[in-house]
Structure formats: C-alpha cells, structure tokens
Amino acid sequence: MTISARVTDERVSDVRCTADTLTVDLMDGRTISAPLAWYPRLAHGTPEQRGNWQVSAGGYGVHWPDLDEDLSTEGLLRGAPAPKAA
C-alpha cells in the first residue's frame, strides 16, 4: 500500500475584497472566501483601505496597515471570524 503525501502551501498569494466578501488565494491553488461582516475592521474600511494589504507572518498572514487588522491563513481555513470586541 502506498500513501501519497498531499502537498499544501498555506501561504498567501493574493487578497481581494468586495462589498461583502473577503477572498484569499493560497500558493497551493486553494481559495478561501468569508463574509466581510466577520471582520468588522475590514467591513468598516473603505475599498482603498481594504486594497492596501501586505503579506505578513512569513507568508501565513495578511496585514492591513490602514485598518490595523491582521488575519492568519490558519484562522481563515478554520472559518474563524474576528473576536467580538469587549
């Protein structure tokens, strides 16, 4: 019996935001989409602010400097919305 290893690369390759969806493309070809409402800082930002993003955390995260928001591919893959503000 042979076991083939699945090759995954969860690093960010591209990020897009529409009026209601955050979409993150990964290096291995997968695409993650989530409701923008899950991330209030992004949802309340302008399209220009949402468009100004940077890859962070060695490729495993996204940072929006204008909105002070950081998301990890791990959290996005788990389907984790942003924590509620206290």
Protein backbone atom coordinates (compact mmCIF):
# COMPACT_ATOMS: atom_id res chain seq x y z
CA MET A 1 0.00 0.00 0.00
CA THR A 2 1.31 3.43 -0.88
CA ILE A 3 0.49 6.68 0.80
CA SER A 4 0.77 9.80 -1.27
CA ALA A 5 1.60 12.95 0.62
CA ARG A 6 -0.64 15.88 -0.06
CA VAL A 7 1.42 18.97 -0.83
CA THR A 8 -0.08 22.09 0.66
CA ASP A 9 1.23 25.61 0.83
CA GLU A 10 -0.94 27.81 3.01
CA ARG A 11 0.98 30.99 2.24
CA VAL A 12 -0.95 33.95 0.81
CA SER A 13 -0.67 34.69 -2.90
CA ASP A 14 -3.49 37.24 -3.37
CA VAL A 15 -6.25 39.02 -1.44
CA ARG A 16 -9.46 40.59 -2.71
CA CYS A 17 -12.39 42.27 -1.01
CA THR A 18 -15.78 43.02 -2.49
CA ALA A 19 -18.53 44.93 -0.71
CA ASP A 20 -19.42 41.77 1.22
CA THR A 21 -16.71 39.10 0.74
CA LEU A 22 -13.07 38.59 1.69
CA THR A 23 -11.24 36.24 -0.68
CA VAL A 24 -7.73 34.95 -0.06
CA ASP A 25 -5.85 32.85 -2.62
CA LEU A 26 -3.20 30.47 -1.32
CA MET A 27 0.05 29.43 -3.01
CA ASP A 28 -1.22 25.84 -3.39
CA GLY A 29 -4.19 26.95 -5.52
CA ARG A 30 -6.89 26.93 -2.85
CA THR A 31 -9.16 29.94 -2.38
CA ILE A 32 -10.76 30.91 0.93
CA SER A 33 -13.85 33.12 0.94
CA ALA A 34 -15.56 34.51 4.02
CA PRO A 35 -18.23 37.12 4.70
CA LEU A 36 -16.66 40.54 5.13
CA ALA A 37 -19.07 41.08 8.05
CA TRP A 38 -16.98 38.56 10.04
CA TYR A 39 -14.18 41.14 10.11
CA PRO A 40 -15.64 44.47 11.30
CA ARG A 41 -12.43 46.47 10.79
CA LEU A 42 -12.36 45.42 7.16
CA ALA A 43 -16.11 45.84 6.71
CA HIS A 44 -15.95 49.43 8.01
CA GLY A 45 -12.91 50.31 5.90
CA THR A 46 -13.00 51.96 2.52
CA PRO A 47 -12.26 49.97 -0.64
CA GLU A 48 -8.90 51.77 -0.79
CA GLN A 49 -8.04 50.78 2.79
CA ARG A 50 -9.05 47.15 2.15
CA GLY A 51 -6.98 47.18 -1.04
CA ASN A 52 -3.84 48.21 0.86
CA TRP A 53 -2.77 44.86 2.27
CA GLN A 54 0.58 43.17 2.86
CA VAL A 55 1.62 39.57 3.26
CA SER A 56 2.83 39.03 6.84
CA ALA A 57 3.93 36.29 9.24
CA GLY A 58 6.30 34.67 6.78
CA GLY A 59 3.54 34.42 4.17
CA TYR A 60 0.94 32.90 6.51
CA GLY A 61 -0.90 36.11 7.28
CA VAL A 62 -2.36 39.28 5.83
CA HIS A 63 -1.91 42.75 7.34
CA TRP A 64 -3.96 45.85 6.51
CA PRO A 65 -1.85 48.77 7.84
CA ASP A 66 -4.57 51.40 7.29
CA LEU A 67 -7.07 49.36 9.35
CA ASP A 68 -4.73 47.76 11.92
CA GLU A 69 -6.11 44.32 11.01
CA ASP A 70 -4.19 41.05 10.84
CA LEU A 71 -5.58 37.67 9.76
CA SER A 72 -3.82 34.34 9.52
CA THR A 73 -4.40 31.68 6.91
CA GLU A 74 -4.80 29.21 9.79
CA GLY A 75 -7.75 31.17 11.18
CA LEU A 76 -9.25 31.68 7.74
CA LEU A 77 -9.03 27.94 7.00
CA ARG A 78 -10.75 27.19 10.32
CA GLY A 79 -13.53 29.62 9.42
CA ALA A 80 -12.84 31.76 12.47
CA PRO A 81 -14.47 35.21 12.48
CA ALA A 82 -12.77 38.08 14.30
CA PRO A 83 -13.31 38.00 18.07
CA LYS A 84 -16.08 40.24 19.38
CA ALA A 85 -14.86 43.48 20.96
CA ALA A 86 -15.25 43.51 24.74
